Amino acid sequence: MNVKTRGVKETISLGRAVGRHLSPGDVICLSGELGTGKTCFVKGLAEGLGIKAKNVTSPTFIIIREYKGKIPLYHIDLYRIGFVEDIRDIGMEEVIYGQGVTAIEWAEKISDKLPDERIEIALKYVDEKTRSIEMSAFGPHHSEILKKTMKEIHL
């Protein structure tokens, strides 16, 4: 499913729509060049989970941030991870298979370690403000999430 957003507010709005349908154990994998809006999308996910978006920042230097909400949100940024083996050192496997929702920026770095069932979000530049966002579901539960999301967005 492909959606075009025109600015940060619409990217956050799309993330919020996805976030409203997430449940514990869901994994959202984000990819895209620097500045395409991965963290903005996660801010929306957080809002959909009842977490204040202003608290959400890129965890580039911390790698994993936890945000408390009705369901915990674990925000992982793999930009600085050098080797796939490093993910064991940061406790990522426990987070992914835990009781929260996990959003992983630069998830393509660990594609062979990701759960089979997940949602992938690929953000691409169209122009300075516009983004093309391709959303792909792996598994019936995640397909249903995206179907519900598409019914309620107005972008």
C-alpha atoms as a PDB file:
ATOM      1  CA  MET A   1       0.000   0.000   0.000  1.00  0.00           C
ATOM      2  CA  ASN A   2       1.463   3.332  -1.014  1.00  0.00           C
ATOM      3  CA  VAL A   3       0.581   6.673   0.541  1.00  0.00           C
ATOM      4  CA  LYS A   4       1.959  10.137  -0.186  1.00  0.00           C
ATOM      5  CA  THR A   5       2.307  12.562   2.723  1.00  0.00           C
ATOM      6  CA  ARG A   6       2.827  16.286   2.293  1.00  0.00           C
ATOM      7  CA  GLY A   7       4.752  17.397   5.330  1.00  0.00           C
ATOM      8  CA  VAL A   8       5.578  16.303   8.847  1.00  0.00           C
ATOM      9  CA  LYS A   9       1.983  16.592  10.142  1.00  0.00           C
ATOM     10  CA  GLU A  10       0.668  14.135   7.553  1.00  0.00           C
ATOM     11  CA  THR A  11       3.515  11.672   8.216  1.00  0.00           C
ATOM     12  CA  ILE A  12       2.737  11.808  11.945  1.00  0.00           C
ATOM     13  CA  SER A  13      -0.977  11.414  11.174  1.00  0.00           C
ATOM     14  CA  LEU A  14      -0.316   8.267   9.139  1.00  0.00           C
ATOM     15  CA  GLY A  15       1.815   6.835  11.956  1.00  0.00           C
ATOM     16  CA  ARG A  16      -0.950   7.658  14.446  1.00  0.00           C
ATOM     17  CA  ALA A  17      -3.500   5.782  12.317  1.00  0.00           C
ATOM     18  CA  VAL A  18      -1.261   2.695  12.264  1.00  0.00           C
ATOM     19  CA  GLY A  19      -0.497   3.012  15.989  1.00  0.00           C
ATOM     20  CA  ARG A  20      -4.179   2.934  16.979  1.00  0.00           C
ATOM     21  CA  HIS A  21      -4.427  -0.653  15.712  1.00  0.00           C
ATOM     22  CA  LEU A  22      -1.230  -2.084  17.199  1.00  0.00           C
ATOM     23  CA  SER A  23      -1.052  -4.612  20.007  1.00  0.00           C
ATOM     24  CA  PRO A  24       1.702  -6.085  22.200  1.00  0.00           C
ATOM     25  CA  GLY A  25       4.285  -7.982  20.175  1.00  0.00           C
ATOM     26  CA  ASP A  26       3.804  -5.996  16.958  1.00  0.00           C
ATOM     27  CA  VAL A  27       6.984  -4.980  15.139  1.00  0.00           C
ATOM     28  CA  ILE A  28       7.184  -2.021  12.749  1.00  0.00           C
ATOM     29  CA  CYS A  29      10.312  -1.890  10.562  1.00  0.00           C
ATOM     30  CA  LEU A  30      11.213   1.479   9.047  1.00  0.00           C
ATOM     31  CA  SER A  31      13.635   2.180   6.224  1.00  0.00           C
ATOM     32  CA  GLY A  32      14.582   5.273   4.276  1.00  0.00           C
ATOM     33  CA  GLU A  33      17.357   7.768   3.791  1.00  0.00           C
ATOM     34  CA  LEU A  34      18.315  10.216   6.521  1.00  0.00           C
ATOM     35  CA  GLY A  35      15.627  12.849   6.913  1.00  0.00           C
ATOM     36  CA  THR A  36      12.798  10.983   5.185  1.00  0.00           C
ATOM     37  CA  GLY A  37      10.626  10.996   8.310  1.00  0.00           C
ATOM     38  CA  LYS A  38      11.207   7.695  10.101  1.00  0.00           C
ATOM     39  CA  THR A  39      11.210   9.337  13.535  1.00  0.00           C
ATOM     40  CA  CYS A  40       8.180  11.484  12.580  1.00  0.00           C
ATOM     41  CA  PHE A  41       6.314   8.291  11.709  1.00  0.00           C
ATOM     42  CA  VAL A  42       7.293   6.815  15.107  1.00  0.00           C
ATOM     43  CA  LYS A  43       5.968   9.977  16.811  1.00  0.00           C
ATOM     44  CA  GLY A  44       2.637   9.152  15.187  1.00  0.00           C
ATOM     45  CA  LEU A  45       2.825   5.522  16.309  1.00  0.00           C
ATOM     46  CA  ALA A  46       3.405   6.798  19.842  1.00  0.00           C
ATOM     47  CA  GLU A  47       0.350   9.070  19.676  1.00  0.00           C
ATOM     48  CA  GLY A  48      -1.734   6.146  18.458  1.00  0.00           C
ATOM     49  CA  LEU A  49      -0.582   4.233  21.540  1.00  0.00           C
ATOM     50  CA  GLY A  50      -1.470   7.113  23.883  1.00  0.00           C
ATOM     51  CA  ILE A  51       2.099   8.420  24.278  1.00  0.00           C
ATOM     52  CA  LYS A  52       2.916  12.129  23.887  1.00  0.00           C
ATOM     53  CA  ALA A  53       4.777  12.631  20.601  1.00  0.00           C
ATOM     54  CA  LYS A  54       6.858  15.481  22.031  1.00  0.00           C
ATOM     55  CA  ASN A  55       8.650  12.894  24.191  1.00  0.00           C
ATOM     56  CA  VAL A  56       9.712  10.855  21.138  1.00  0.00           C
ATOM     57  CA  THR A  57      13.185  11.599  19.819  1.00  0.00           C
ATOM     58  CA  SER A  58      15.562   9.667  17.627  1.00  0.00           C
ATOM     59  CA  PRO A  59      17.471   7.134  19.726  1.00  0.00           C
ATOM     60  CA  THR A  60      20.533   7.260  17.427  1.00  0.00           C
ATOM     61  CA  PHE A  61      23.061   7.567  20.250  1.00  0.00           C
ATOM     62  CA  ILE A  62      21.096   5.596  22.841  1.00  0.00           C
ATOM     63  CA  ILE A  63      19.956   2.923  20.347  1.00  0.00           C
ATOM     64  CA  ILE A  64      16.831   1.853  22.304  1.00  0.00           C
ATOM     65  CA  ARG A  65      14.299   4.140  23.979  1.00  0.00           C
ATOM     66  CA  GLU A  66      11.268   2.929  25.897  1.00  0.00           C
ATOM     67  CA  TYR A  67       8.112   5.032  26.105  1.00  0.00           C
ATOM     68  CA  LYS A  68       5.394   4.143  28.596  1.00  0.00           C
ATOM     69  CA  GLY A  69       1.804   4.118  27.393  1.00  0.00           C
ATOM     70  CA  LYS A  70      -1.187   1.789  27.405  1.00  0.00           C
ATOM     71  CA  ILE A  71       1.240  -0.491  25.571  1.00  0.00           C
ATOM     72  CA  PRO A  72       4.994   0.197  25.903  1.00  0.00           C
ATOM     73  CA  LEU A  73       6.710   1.446  22.757  1.00  0.00           C
ATOM     74  CA  TYR A  74      10.316   0.436  22.143  1.00  0.00           C
ATOM     75  CA  HIS A  75      11.995   2.705  19.597  1.00  0.00           C
ATOM     76  CA  ILE A  76      15.211   1.261  18.169  1.00  0.00           C
ATOM     77  CA  ASP A  77      17.627   3.059  15.839  1.00  0.00           C
ATOM     78  CA  LEU A  78      20.205   0.818  14.151  1.00  0.00           C
ATOM     79  CA  TYR A  79      21.954   3.609  12.221  1.00  0.00           C
ATOM     80  CA  ARG A  80      25.106   3.289  14.353  1.00  0.00           C
ATOM     81  CA  ILE A  81      25.104  -0.505  14.686  1.00  0.00           C
ATOM     82  CA  GLY A  82      28.126  -1.903  12.880  1.00  0.00           C
ATOM     83  CA  PHE A  83      27.603  -5.641  12.911  1.00  0.00           C
ATOM     84  CA  VAL A  84      24.497  -7.785  13.166  1.00  0.00           C
ATOM     85  CA  GLU A  85      26.014  -9.530  16.188  1.00  0.00           C
ATOM     86  CA  ASP A  86      25.855  -6.196  18.047  1.00  0.00           C
ATOM     87  CA  ILE A  87      22.073  -6.548  18.434  1.00  0.00           C
ATOM     88  CA  ARG A  88      22.561  -9.219  21.081  1.00  0.00           C
ATOM     89  CA  ASP A  89      24.728  -6.807  23.059  1.00  0.00           C
ATOM     90  CA  ILE A  90      21.979  -4.169  23.207  1.00  0.00           C
ATOM     91  CA  GLY A  91      19.226  -6.590  24.280  1.00  0.00           C
ATOM     92  CA  MET A  92      17.181  -6.089  21.154  1.00  0.00           C
ATOM     93  CA  GLU A  93      15.944  -9.671  20.847  1.00  0.00           C
ATOM     94  CA  GLU A  94      14.287  -9.436  24.288  1.00  0.00           C
ATOM     95  CA  VAL A  95      12.554  -6.208  23.245  1.00  0.00           C
ATOM     96  CA  ILE A  96      11.297  -7.501  19.879  1.00  0.00           C
ATOM     97  CA  TYR A  97       9.789 -10.609  21.430  1.00  0.00           C
ATOM     98  CA  GLY A  98       8.513  -8.775  24.532  1.00  0.00           C
ATOM     99  CA  GLN A  99       5.163  -7.307  25.542  1.00  0.00           C
ATOM    100  CA  GLY A 100       5.403  -3.942  23.815  1.00  0.00           C
ATOM    101  CA  VAL A 101       5.259  -2.549  20.307  1.00  0.00           C
ATOM    102  CA  THR A 102       8.684  -2.260  18.683  1.00  0.00           C
ATOM    103  CA  ALA A 103       9.561   0.317  16.018  1.00  0.00           C
ATOM    104  CA  ILE A 104      12.951  -0.267  14.356  1.00  0.00           C
ATOM    105  CA  GLU A 105      14.624   2.415  12.242  1.00  0.00           C
ATOM    106  CA  TRP A 106      17.167   1.100   9.694  1.00  0.00           C
ATOM    107  CA  ALA A 107      15.635  -2.382  10.122  1.00  0.00           C
ATOM    108  CA  GLU A 108      17.103  -3.500   6.795  1.00  0.00           C
ATOM    109  CA  LYS A 109      20.445  -3.867   8.618  1.00  0.00           C
ATOM    110  CA  ILE A 110      19.073  -6.922  10.424  1.00  0.00           C
ATOM    111  CA  SER A 111      16.569  -8.251   7.890  1.00  0.00           C
ATOM    112  CA  ASP A 112      17.493 -11.875   8.596  1.00  0.00           C
ATOM    113  CA  LYS A 113      16.883 -11.390  12.349  1.00  0.00           C
ATOM    114  CA  LEU A 114      13.418  -9.838  12.074  1.00  0.00           C
ATOM    115  CA  PRO A 115      10.240 -11.720  13.001  1.00  0.00           C
ATOM    116  CA  ASP A 116       8.387 -13.278  10.074  1.00  0.00           C
ATOM    117  CA  GLU A 117       5.233 -11.352  10.975  1.00  0.00           C
ATOM    118  CA  ARG A 118       5.699  -7.573  10.908  1.00  0.00           C
ATOM    119  CA  ILE A 119       4.891  -4.345   9.108  1.00  0.00           C
ATOM    120  CA  GLU A 120       7.520  -2.713   6.906  1.00  0.00           C
ATOM    121  CA  ILE A 121       7.384   1.020   6.228  1.00  0.00           C
ATOM    122  CA  ALA A 122       9.664   2.378   3.462  1.00  0.00           C
ATOM    123  CA  LEU A 123       9.874   6.177   3.266  1.00  0.00           C
ATOM    124  CA  LYS A 124      11.214   7.892   0.138  1.00  0.00           C
ATOM    125  CA  TYR A 125      11.726  11.494  -0.905  1.00  0.00           C
ATOM    126  CA  VAL A 126       9.393  12.797  -3.607  1.00  0.00           C
ATOM    127  CA  ASP A 127      10.392  16.416  -3.027  1.00  0.00           C
ATOM    128  CA  GLU A 128      11.391  18.616  -0.089  1.00  0.00           C
ATOM    129  CA  LYS A 129       8.089  18.110   1.777  1.00  0.00           C
ATOM    130  CA  THR A 130       6.421  15.153   0.082  1.00  0.00           C
ATOM    131  CA  ARG A 131       7.164  11.542   0.976  1.00  0.00           C
ATOM    132  CA  SER A 132       6.118   8.325  -0.690  1.00  0.00           C
ATOM    133  CA  ILE A 133       5.438   5.772   2.045  1.00  0.00           C
ATOM    134  CA  GLU A 134       5.147   2.115   1.072  1.00  0.00           C
ATOM    135  CA  MET A 135       3.537  -0.035   3.784  1.00  0.00           C
ATOM    136  CA  SER A 136       3.839  -3.822   3.559  1.00  0.00           C
ATOM    137  CA  ALA A 137       2.300  -6.390   5.890  1.00  0.00           C
ATOM    138  CA  PHE A 138       3.754  -9.796   6.629  1.00  0.00           C
ATOM    139  CA  GLY A 139       1.143 -12.071   8.188  1.00  0.00           C
ATOM    140  CA  PRO A 140      -2.660 -11.911   8.482  1.00  0.00           C
ATOM    141  CA  HIS A 141      -2.705  -9.877  11.719  1.00  0.00           C
ATOM    142  CA  HIS A 142      -0.557  -7.153  10.174  1.00  0.00           C
ATOM    143  CA  SER A 143      -2.540  -7.204   6.918  1.00  0.00           C
ATOM    144  CA  GLU A 144      -5.644  -6.464   8.971  1.00  0.00           C
ATOM    145  CA  ILE A 145      -3.875  -3.549  10.710  1.00  0.00           C
ATOM    146  CA  LEU A 146      -3.033  -1.962   7.366  1.00  0.00           C
ATOM    147  CA  LYS A 147      -6.554  -2.536   6.001  1.00  0.00           C
ATOM    148  CA  LYS A 148      -8.051  -0.768   9.027  1.00  0.00           C
ATOM    149  CA  THR A 149      -5.496   2.033   8.707  1.00  0.00           C
ATOM    150  CA  MET A 150      -6.252   2.634   5.032  1.00  0.00           C
ATOM    151  CA  LYS A 151      -9.991   2.896   5.775  1.00  0.00           C
ATOM    152  CA  GLU A 152      -9.486   5.759   8.212  1.00  0.00           C
ATOM    153  CA  ILE A 153      -6.763   7.910   6.652  1.00  0.00           C
ATOM    154  CA  HIS A 154      -7.602  10.977   4.622  1.00  0.00           C
ATOM    155  CA  LEU A 155      -4.320  12.080   3.056  1.00  0.00           C
END
